[in-house]
Amino acid sequence: MIVRISTEGQYELAEEDRARLEELDLDAVSACEGDDEKRFQAAFERLLAYVRERGRPIADDELVGSDLILPPPDVSLAEARAEFQGEGLIPG
């Protein structure tokens, strides 16, 4: 599974990481729906950290399609509301 963090790069994660990614994604969705900026930022940072820690960085010169594109690390709650809705960013 290839995950892109906008403005940062791509990471390759094992398919077994999908369940945890979905949990972290749903935490961010819940914070957005609750209009809780602090909670959203914490949840989104946990999601980004998981991708960075578990993923293998893909070289910039390697062309690979992304299965999931996350907003940039500095996304605001207002900007995130457009993407973190319903079932979240990760297709079920």
PDB file of N, CA and C in Angstrom:
ATOM      1  N   MET A   1       0.849  -1.157   0.000  1.00  0.00           N
ATOM      2  CA  MET A   1       0.000   0.000   0.000  1.00  0.00           C
ATOM      3  C   MET A   1       0.906   1.234   0.000  1.00  0.00           C
ATOM      4  N   ILE A   2       0.639   2.164  -0.935  1.00  0.00           N
ATOM      5  CA  ILE A   2       1.439   3.373  -1.061  1.00  0.00           C
ATOM      6  C   ILE A   2       0.633   4.555  -0.509  1.00  0.00           C
ATOM      7  N   VAL A   3       1.238   5.255   0.447  1.00  0.00           N
ATOM      8  CA  VAL A   3       0.601   6.409   1.069  1.00  0.00           C
ATOM      9  C   VAL A   3       1.444   7.645   0.781  1.00  0.00           C
ATOM     10  N   ARG A   4       0.803   8.667   0.247  1.00  0.00           N
ATOM     11  CA  ARG A   4       1.476   9.948   0.021  1.00  0.00           C
ATOM     12  C   ARG A   4       1.036  10.926   1.104  1.00  0.00           C
ATOM     13  N   ILE A   5       2.029  11.583   1.701  1.00  0.00           N
ATOM     14  CA  ILE A   5       1.761  12.722   2.572  1.00  0.00           C
ATOM     15  C   ILE A   5       2.034  13.944   1.708  1.00  0.00           C
ATOM     16  N   SER A   6       0.995  14.699   1.415  1.00  0.00           N
ATOM     17  CA  SER A   6       1.136  15.858   0.527  1.00  0.00           C
ATOM     18  C   SER A   6       2.241  16.782   1.029  1.00  0.00           C
ATOM     19  N   THR A   7       3.023  17.278   0.114  1.00  0.00           N
ATOM     20  CA  THR A   7       4.176  18.168   0.322  1.00  0.00           C
ATOM     21  C   THR A   7       5.371  17.462   0.954  1.00  0.00           C
ATOM     22  N   GLU A   8       5.264  16.155   1.190  1.00  0.00           N
ATOM     23  CA  GLU A   8       6.350  15.464   1.883  1.00  0.00           C
ATOM     24  C   GLU A   8       6.917  14.293   1.082  1.00  0.00           C
ATOM     25  N   GLY A   9       6.072  13.398   0.608  1.00  0.00           N
ATOM     26  CA  GLY A   9       6.571  12.250  -0.135  1.00  0.00           C
ATOM     27  C   GLY A   9       5.686  11.034   0.050  1.00  0.00           C
ATOM     28  N   GLN A  10       6.167   9.920  -0.517  1.00  0.00           N
ATOM     29  CA  GLN A  10       5.414   8.671  -0.485  1.00  0.00           C
ATOM     30  C   GLN A  10       6.104   7.648   0.406  1.00  0.00           C
ATOM     31  N   TYR A  11       5.266   6.766   0.970  1.00  0.00           N
ATOM     32  CA  TYR A  11       5.750   5.690   1.834  1.00  0.00           C
ATOM     33  C   TYR A  11       5.037   4.405   1.452  1.00  0.00           C
ATOM     34  N   GLU A  12       5.783   3.313   1.481  1.00  0.00           N
ATOM     35  CA  GLU A  12       5.191   2.004   1.220  1.00  0.00           C
ATOM     36  C   GLU A  12       4.962   1.317   2.561  1.00  0.00           C
ATOM     37  N   LEU A  13       3.710   0.951   2.805  1.00  0.00           N
ATOM     38  CA  LEU A  13       3.347   0.250   4.034  1.00  0.00           C
ATOM     39  C   LEU A  13       2.828  -1.134   3.686  1.00  0.00           C
ATOM     40  N   ALA A  14       2.972  -2.046   4.613  1.00  0.00           N
ATOM     41  CA  ALA A  14       2.467  -3.402   4.428  1.00  0.00           C
ATOM     42  C   ALA A  14       0.939  -3.383   4.504  1.00  0.00           C
ATOM     43  N   GLU A  15       0.320  -4.294   3.831  1.00  0.00           N
ATOM     44  CA  GLU A  15      -1.142  -4.386   3.843  1.00  0.00           C
ATOM     45  C   GLU A  15      -1.663  -4.606   5.273  1.00  0.00           C
ATOM     46  N   GLU A  16      -0.862  -5.247   6.100  1.00  0.00           N
ATOM     47  CA  GLU A  16      -1.269  -5.486   7.491  1.00  0.00           C
ATOM     48  C   GLU A  16      -1.367  -4.198   8.305  1.00  0.00           C
ATOM     49  N   ASP A  17      -0.829  -3.096   7.793  1.00  0.00           N
ATOM     50  CA  ASP A  17      -0.932  -1.803   8.468  1.00  0.00           C
ATOM     51  C   ASP A  17      -2.267  -1.111   8.195  1.00  0.00           C
ATOM     52  N   ARG A  18      -3.024  -1.619   7.255  1.00  0.00           N
ATOM     53  CA  ARG A  18      -4.278  -0.970   6.851  1.00  0.00           C
ATOM     54  C   ARG A  18      -5.260  -0.800   8.024  1.00  0.00           C
ATOM     55  N   ALA A  19      -5.436  -1.816   8.840  1.00  0.00           N
ATOM     56  CA  ALA A  19      -6.405  -1.741   9.943  1.00  0.00           C
ATOM     57  C   ALA A  19      -6.052  -0.611  10.909  1.00  0.00           C
ATOM     58  N   ARG A  20      -4.789  -0.495  11.266  1.00  0.00           N
ATOM     59  CA  ARG A  20      -4.372   0.570  12.187  1.00  0.00           C
ATOM     60  C   ARG A  20      -4.527   1.938  11.523  1.00  0.00           C
ATOM     61  N   LEU A  21      -4.199   2.039  10.239  1.00  0.00           N
ATOM     62  CA  LEU A  21      -4.391   3.293   9.511  1.00  0.00           C
ATOM     63  C   LEU A  21      -5.861   3.700   9.531  1.00  0.00           C
ATOM     64  N   GLU A  22      -6.740   2.735   9.334  1.00  0.00           N
ATOM     65  CA  GLU A  22      -8.175   3.022   9.357  1.00  0.00           C
ATOM     66  C   GLU A  22      -8.612   3.541  10.721  1.00  0.00           C
ATOM     67  N   GLU A  23      -8.091   2.953  11.793  1.00  0.00           N
ATOM     68  CA  GLU A  23      -8.425   3.417  13.149  1.00  0.00           C
ATOM     69  C   GLU A  23      -7.975   4.864  13.347  1.00  0.00           C
ATOM     70  N   LEU A  24      -6.746   5.151  12.940  1.00  0.00           N
ATOM     71  CA  LEU A  24      -6.208   6.498  13.097  1.00  0.00           C
ATOM     72  C   LEU A  24      -6.984   7.499  12.243  1.00  0.00           C
ATOM     73  N   ASP A  25      -7.360   7.079  11.057  1.00  0.00           N
ATOM     74  CA  ASP A  25      -8.156   7.910  10.154  1.00  0.00           C
ATOM     75  C   ASP A  25      -9.506   8.238  10.788  1.00  0.00           C
ATOM     76  N   LEU A  26     -10.160   7.237  11.346  1.00  0.00           N
ATOM     77  CA  LEU A  26     -11.470   7.452  11.961  1.00  0.00           C
ATOM     78  C   LEU A  26     -11.387   8.355  13.196  1.00  0.00           C
ATOM     79  N   ASP A  27     -10.267   8.304  13.906  1.00  0.00           N
ATOM     80  CA  ASP A  27     -10.063   9.234  15.021  1.00  0.00           C
ATOM     81  C   ASP A  27     -10.045  10.676  14.506  1.00  0.00           C
ATOM     82  N   ALA A  28      -9.355  10.892  13.392  1.00  0.00           N
ATOM     83  CA  ALA A  28      -9.286  12.234  12.799  1.00  0.00           C
ATOM     84  C   ALA A  28     -10.667  12.670  12.311  1.00  0.00           C
ATOM     85  N   VAL A  29     -11.410  11.752  11.709  1.00  0.00           N
ATOM     86  CA  VAL A  29     -12.771  12.054  11.241  1.00  0.00           C
ATOM     87  C   VAL A  29     -13.648  12.474  12.418  1.00  0.00           C
ATOM     88  N   SER A  30     -13.580  11.732  13.488  1.00  0.00           N
ATOM     89  CA  SER A  30     -14.383  12.019  14.670  1.00  0.00           C
ATOM     90  C   SER A  30     -14.058  13.407  15.232  1.00  0.00           C
ATOM     91  N   ALA A  31     -12.781  13.753  15.264  1.00  0.00           N
ATOM     92  CA  ALA A  31     -12.383  15.076  15.753  1.00  0.00           C
ATOM     93  C   ALA A  31     -12.903  16.174  14.839  1.00  0.00           C
ATOM     94  N   CYS A  32     -12.874  15.946  13.526  1.00  0.00           N
ATOM     95  CA  CYS A  32     -13.418  16.919  12.564  1.00  0.00           C
ATOM     96  C   CYS A  32     -14.908  17.102  12.791  1.00  0.00           C
ATOM     97  N   GLU A  33     -15.611  15.997  12.903  1.00  0.00           N
ATOM     98  CA  GLU A  33     -17.057  16.067  13.089  1.00  0.00           C
ATOM     99  C   GLU A  33     -17.417  16.749  14.410  1.00  0.00           C
ATOM    100  N   GLY A  34     -16.540  16.625  15.398  1.00  0.00           N
ATOM    101  CA  GLY A  34     -16.767  17.264  16.688  1.00  0.00           C
ATOM    102  C   GLY A  34     -16.256  18.694  16.749  1.00  0.00           C
ATOM    103  N   ASP A  35     -15.683  19.159  15.624  1.00  0.00           N
ATOM    104  CA  ASP A  35     -15.164  20.526  15.523  1.00  0.00           C
ATOM    105  C   ASP A  35     -14.132  20.814  16.610  1.00  0.00           C
ATOM    106  N   ASP A  36     -13.274  19.822  16.866  1.00  0.00           N
ATOM    107  CA  ASP A  36     -12.277  19.917  17.935  1.00  0.00           C
ATOM    108  C   ASP A  36     -10.875  20.015  17.313  1.00  0.00           C
ATOM    109  N   GLU A  37     -10.404  21.238  17.151  1.00  0.00           N
ATOM    110  CA  GLU A  37      -9.111  21.502  16.500  1.00  0.00           C
ATOM    111  C   GLU A  37      -7.960  20.783  17.194  1.00  0.00           C
ATOM    112  N   LYS A  38      -7.888  20.904  18.517  1.00  0.00           N
ATOM    113  CA  LYS A  38      -6.786  20.303  19.268  1.00  0.00           C
ATOM    114  C   LYS A  38      -6.786  18.772  19.109  1.00  0.00           C
ATOM    115  N   ARG A  39      -7.947  18.184  19.243  1.00  0.00           N
ATOM    116  CA  ARG A  39      -8.068  16.729  19.099  1.00  0.00           C
ATOM    117  C   ARG A  39      -7.738  16.290  17.666  1.00  0.00           C
ATOM    118  N   PHE A  40      -8.199  17.083  16.685  1.00  0.00           N
ATOM    119  CA  PHE A  40      -7.889  16.746  15.297  1.00  0.00           C
ATOM    120  C   PHE A  40      -6.386  16.781  15.054  1.00  0.00           C
ATOM    121  N   GLN A  41      -5.736  17.840  15.478  1.00  0.00           N
ATOM    122  CA  GLN A  41      -4.286  17.956  15.240  1.00  0.00           C
ATOM    123  C   GLN A  41      -3.535  16.789  15.877  1.00  0.00           C
ATOM    124  N   ALA A  42      -3.931  16.393  17.080  1.00  0.00           N
ATOM    125  CA  ALA A  42      -3.288  15.260  17.754  1.00  0.00           C
ATOM    126  C   ALA A  42      -3.542  13.960  16.991  1.00  0.00           C
ATOM    127  N   ALA A  43      -4.775  13.756  16.555  1.00  0.00           N
ATOM    128  CA  ALA A  43      -5.125  12.528  15.819  1.00  0.00           C
ATOM    129  C   ALA A  43      -4.409  12.475  14.477  1.00  0.00           C
ATOM    130  N   PHE A  44      -4.368  13.606  13.785  1.00  0.00           N
ATOM    131  CA  PHE A  44      -3.716  13.644  12.476  1.00  0.00           C
ATOM    132  C   PHE A  44      -2.210  13.436  12.624  1.00  0.00           C
ATOM    133  N   GLU A  45      -1.614  14.003  13.660  1.00  0.00           N
ATOM    134  CA  GLU A  45      -0.179  13.809  13.885  1.00  0.00           C
ATOM    135  C   GLU A  45       0.118  12.329  14.175  1.00  0.00           C
ATOM    136  N   ARG A  46      -0.764  11.657  14.909  1.00  0.00           N
ATOM    137  CA  ARG A  46      -0.573  10.216  15.155  1.00  0.00           C
ATOM    138  C   ARG A  46      -0.636   9.437  13.836  1.00  0.00           C
ATOM    139  N   LEU A  47      -1.551   9.819  12.964  1.00  0.00           N
ATOM    140  CA  LEU A  47      -1.672   9.167  11.660  1.00  0.00           C
ATOM    141  C   LEU A  47      -0.404   9.375  10.837  1.00  0.00           C
ATOM    142  N   LEU A  48       0.076  10.615  10.773  1.00  0.00           N
ATOM    143  CA  LEU A  48       1.309  10.895  10.024  1.00  0.00           C
ATOM    144  C   LEU A  48       2.505  10.156  10.622  1.00  0.00           C
ATOM    145  N   ALA A  49       2.607  10.161  11.935  1.00  0.00           N
ATOM    146  CA  ALA A  49       3.721   9.489  12.598  1.00  0.00           C
ATOM    147  C   ALA A  49       3.716   7.996  12.292  1.00  0.00           C
ATOM    148  N   TYR A  50       2.540   7.405  12.279  1.00  0.00           N
ATOM    149  CA  TYR A  50       2.440   5.974  11.971  1.00  0.00           C
ATOM    150  C   TYR A  50       2.955   5.693  10.561  1.00  0.00           C
ATOM    151  N   VAL A  51       2.533   6.518   9.619  1.00  0.00           N
ATOM    152  CA  VAL A  51       2.981   6.330   8.228  1.00  0.00           C
ATOM    153  C   VAL A  51       4.498   6.485   8.137  1.00  0.00           C
ATOM    154  N   ARG A  52       5.030   7.505   8.768  1.00  0.00           N
ATOM    155  CA  ARG A  52       6.479   7.751   8.716  1.00  0.00           C
ATOM    156  C   ARG A  52       7.277   6.644   9.395  1.00  0.00           C
ATOM    157  N   GLU A  53       6.770   6.135  10.512  1.00  0.00           N
ATOM    158  CA  GLU A  53       7.499   5.110  11.271  1.00  0.00           C
ATOM    159  C   GLU A  53       7.412   3.732  10.628  1.00  0.00           C
ATOM    160  N   ARG A  54       6.228   3.378  10.148  1.00  0.00           N
ATOM    161  CA  ARG A  54       6.004   2.036   9.610  1.00  0.00           C
ATOM    162  C   ARG A  54       6.312   1.922   8.119  1.00  0.00           C
ATOM    163  N   GLY A  55       6.280   3.071   7.424  1.00  0.00           N
ATOM    164  CA  GLY A  55       6.454   3.044   5.977  1.00  0.00           C
ATOM    165  C   GLY A  55       7.905   3.127   5.537  1.00  0.00           C
ATOM    166  N   ARG A  56       8.141   2.569   4.362  1.00  0.00           N
ATOM    167  CA  ARG A  56       9.449   2.691   3.724  1.00  0.00           C
ATOM    168  C   ARG A  56       9.366   3.870   2.761  1.00  0.00           C
ATOM    169  N   PRO A  57      10.214   4.900   2.964  1.00  0.00           N
ATOM    170  CA  PRO A  57      10.169   6.042   2.056  1.00  0.00           C
ATOM    171  C   PRO A  57      10.473   5.605   0.622  1.00  0.00           C
ATOM    172  N   ILE A  58       9.725   6.146  -0.308  1.00  0.00           N
ATOM    173  CA  ILE A  58       9.937   5.865  -1.725  1.00  0.00           C
ATOM    174  C   ILE A  58      10.726   7.035  -2.305  1.00  0.00           C
ATOM    175  N   ALA A  59      11.768   6.721  -3.034  1.00  0.00           N
ATOM    176  CA  ALA A  59      12.636   7.754  -3.608  1.00  0.00           C
ATOM    177  C   ALA A  59      11.841   8.690  -4.516  1.00  0.00           C
ATOM    178  N   ASP A  60      12.216   9.962  -4.500  1.00  0.00           N
ATOM    179  CA  ASP A  60      11.522  10.964  -5.305  1.00  0.00           C
ATOM    180  C   ASP A  60      11.558  10.651  -6.797  1.00  0.00           C
ATOM    181  N   ASP A  61      12.598   9.967  -7.249  1.00  0.00           N
ATOM    182  CA  ASP A  61      12.714   9.675  -8.685  1.00  0.00           C
ATOM    183  C   ASP A  61      11.999   8.375  -9.079  1.00  0.00           C
ATOM    184  N   GLU A  62      11.388   7.706  -8.115  1.00  0.00           N
ATOM    185  CA  GLU A  62      10.629   6.480  -8.385  1.00  0.00           C
ATOM    186  C   GLU A  62       9.153   6.848  -8.570  1.00  0.00           C
ATOM    187  N   LEU A  63       8.600   6.527  -9.733  1.00  0.00           N
ATOM    188  CA  LEU A  63       7.208   6.862 -10.035  1.00  0.00           C
ATOM    189  C   LEU A  63       6.287   5.717  -9.636  1.00  0.00           C
ATOM    190  N   VAL A  64       5.464   5.965  -8.622  1.00  0.00           N
ATOM    191  CA  VAL A  64       4.545   4.961  -8.107  1.00  0.00           C
ATOM    192  C   VAL A  64       3.224   5.653  -7.796  1.00  0.00           C
ATOM    193  N   GLY A  65       2.110   5.052  -8.200  1.00  0.00           N
ATOM    194  CA  GLY A  65       0.801   5.611  -7.878  1.00  0.00           C
ATOM    195  C   GLY A  65       0.497   5.442  -6.404  1.00  0.00           C
ATOM    196  N   SER A  66      -0.208   6.405  -5.836  1.00  0.00           N
ATOM    197  CA  SER A  66      -0.565   6.362  -4.417  1.00  0.00           C
ATOM    198  C   SER A  66      -1.940   5.735  -4.229  1.00  0.00           C
ATOM    199  N   ASP A  67      -2.048   4.873  -3.232  1.00  0.00           N
ATOM    200  CA  ASP A  67      -3.339   4.287  -2.858  1.00  0.00           C
ATOM    201  C   ASP A  67      -4.110   5.228  -1.938  1.00  0.00           C
ATOM    202  N   LEU A  68      -3.389   6.072  -1.229  1.00  0.00           N
ATOM    203  CA  LEU A  68      -3.980   6.990  -0.273  1.00  0.00           C
ATOM    204  C   LEU A  68      -3.162   8.265  -0.266  1.00  0.00           C
ATOM    205  N   ILE A  69      -3.835   9.403  -0.325  1.00  0.00           N
ATOM    206  CA  ILE A  69      -3.146  10.688  -0.258  1.00  0.00           C
ATOM    207  C   ILE A  69      -3.654  11.433   0.967  1.00  0.00           C
ATOM    208  N   LEU A  70      -2.726  11.719   1.872  1.00  0.00           N
ATOM    209  CA  LEU A  70      -3.053  12.457   3.089  1.00  0.00           C
ATOM    210  C   LEU A  70      -2.770  13.942   2.869  1.00  0.00           C
ATOM    211  N   PRO A  71      -3.527  14.797   3.526  1.00  0.00           N
ATOM    212  CA  PRO A  71      -3.258  16.240   3.428  1.00  0.00           C
ATOM    213  C   PRO A  71      -1.872  16.561   3.988  1.00  0.00           C
ATOM    214  N   PRO A  72      -1.373  17.766   3.718  1.00  0.00           N
ATOM    215  CA  PRO A  72      -0.069  18.150   4.263  1.00  0.00           C
ATOM    216  C   PRO A  72      -0.102  18.216   5.791  1.00  0.00           C
ATOM    217  N   PRO A  73       1.057  18.076   6.418  1.00  0.00           N
ATOM    218  CA  PRO A  73       1.121  18.072   7.883  1.00  0.00           C
ATOM    219  C   PRO A  73       0.542  19.320   8.544  1.00  0.00           C
ATOM    220  N   ASP A  74       0.540  20.440   7.864  1.00  0.00           N
ATOM    221  CA  ASP A  74       0.048  21.677   8.462  1.00  0.00           C
ATOM    222  C   ASP A  74      -1.422  21.968   8.137  1.00  0.00           C
ATOM    223  N   VAL A  75      -2.175  20.951   7.739  1.00  0.00           N
ATOM    224  CA  VAL A  75      -3.584  21.150   7.393  1.00  0.00           C
ATOM    225  C   VAL A  75      -4.363  21.653   8.613  1.00  0.00           C
ATOM    226  N   SER A  76      -5.246  22.593   8.365  1.00  0.00           N
ATOM    227  CA  SER A  76      -6.084  23.109   9.457  1.00  0.00           C
ATOM    228  C   SER A  76      -7.349  22.268   9.569  1.00  0.00           C
ATOM    229  N   LEU A  77      -8.043  22.428  10.665  1.00  0.00           N
ATOM    230  CA  LEU A  77      -9.304  21.713  10.855  1.00  0.00           C
ATOM    231  C   LEU A  77     -10.294  22.107   9.765  1.00  0.00           C
ATOM    232  N   ALA A  78     -10.364  23.394   9.444  1.00  0.00           N
ATOM    233  CA  ALA A  78     -11.289  23.854   8.404  1.00  0.00           C
ATOM    234  C   ALA A  78     -10.978  23.199   7.056  1.00  0.00           C
ATOM    235  N   GLU A  79      -9.711  23.106   6.708  1.00  0.00           N
ATOM    236  CA  GLU A  79      -9.316  22.466   5.449  1.00  0.00           C
ATOM    237  C   GLU A  79      -9.580  20.965   5.499  1.00  0.00           C
ATOM    238  N   ALA A  80      -9.333  20.367   6.637  1.00  0.00           N
ATOM    239  CA  ALA A  80      -9.480  18.921   6.779  1.00  0.00           C
ATOM    240  C   ALA A  80     -10.932  18.469   6.685  1.00  0.00           C
ATOM    241  N   ARG A  81     -11.853  19.321   7.086  1.00  0.00           N
ATOM    242  CA  ARG A  81     -13.271  18.941   7.059  1.00  0.00           C
ATOM    243  C   ARG A  81     -13.709  18.478   5.670  1.00  0.00           C
ATOM    244  N   ALA A  82     -13.127  19.038   4.637  1.00  0.00           N
ATOM    245  CA  ALA A  82     -13.498  18.665   3.269  1.00  0.00           C
ATOM    246  C   ALA A  82     -13.063  17.238   2.929  1.00  0.00           C
ATOM    247  N   GLU A  83     -12.029  16.745   3.606  1.00  0.00           N
ATOM    248  CA  GLU A  83     -11.498  15.420   3.291  1.00  0.00           C
ATOM    249  C   GLU A  83     -11.832  14.361   4.338  1.00  0.00           C
ATOM    250  N   PHE A  84     -11.825  14.739   5.599  1.00  0.00           N
ATOM    251  CA  PHE A  84     -12.076  13.789   6.678  1.00  0.00           C
ATOM    252  C   PHE A  84     -13.568  13.784   7.006  1.00  0.00           C
ATOM    253  N   GLN A  85     -14.314  13.007   6.239  1.00  0.00           N
ATOM    254  CA  GLN A  85     -15.747  12.930   6.431  1.00  0.00           C
ATOM    255  C   GLN A  85     -16.188  11.475   6.420  1.00  0.00           C
ATOM    256  N   GLY A  86     -17.350  11.220   7.002  1.00  0.00           N
ATOM    257  CA  GLY A  86     -17.967   9.898   6.913  1.00  0.00           C
ATOM    258  C   GLY A  86     -17.031   8.784   7.306  1.00  0.00           C
ATOM    259  N   GLU A  87     -16.663   7.980   6.329  1.00  0.00           N
ATOM    260  CA  GLU A  87     -15.797   6.837   6.577  1.00  0.00           C
ATOM    261  C   GLU A  87     -14.326   7.174   6.507  1.00  0.00           C
ATOM    262  N   GLY A  88     -13.988   8.441   6.280  1.00  0.00           N
ATOM    263  CA  GLY A  88     -12.604   8.864   6.301  1.00  0.00           C
ATOM    264  C   GLY A  88     -11.921   8.813   4.952  1.00  0.00           C
ATOM    265  N   LEU A  89     -10.607   8.928   4.984  1.00  0.00           N
ATOM    266  CA  LEU A  89      -9.795   8.973   3.773  1.00  0.00           C
ATOM    267  C   LEU A  89      -9.500   7.591   3.204  1.00  0.00           C
ATOM    268  N   ILE A  90      -9.488   6.610   4.084  1.00  0.00           N
ATOM    269  CA  ILE A  90      -9.085   5.271   3.664  1.00  0.00           C
ATOM    270  C   ILE A  90     -10.305   4.485   3.200  1.00  0.00           C
ATOM    271  N   PRO A  91     -10.313   4.109   1.918  1.00  0.00           N
ATOM    272  CA  PRO A  91     -11.455   3.340   1.412  1.00  0.00           C
ATOM    273  C   PRO A  91     -11.554   1.994   2.124  1.00  0.00           C
ATOM    274  N   GLY A  92     -12.757   1.647   2.521  1.00  0.00           N
ATOM    275  CA  GLY A  92     -12.966   0.394   3.256  1.00  0.00           C
ATOM    276  C   GLY A  92     -13.127  -0.802   2.387  1.00  0.00           C
TER     277      GLY A  92
END
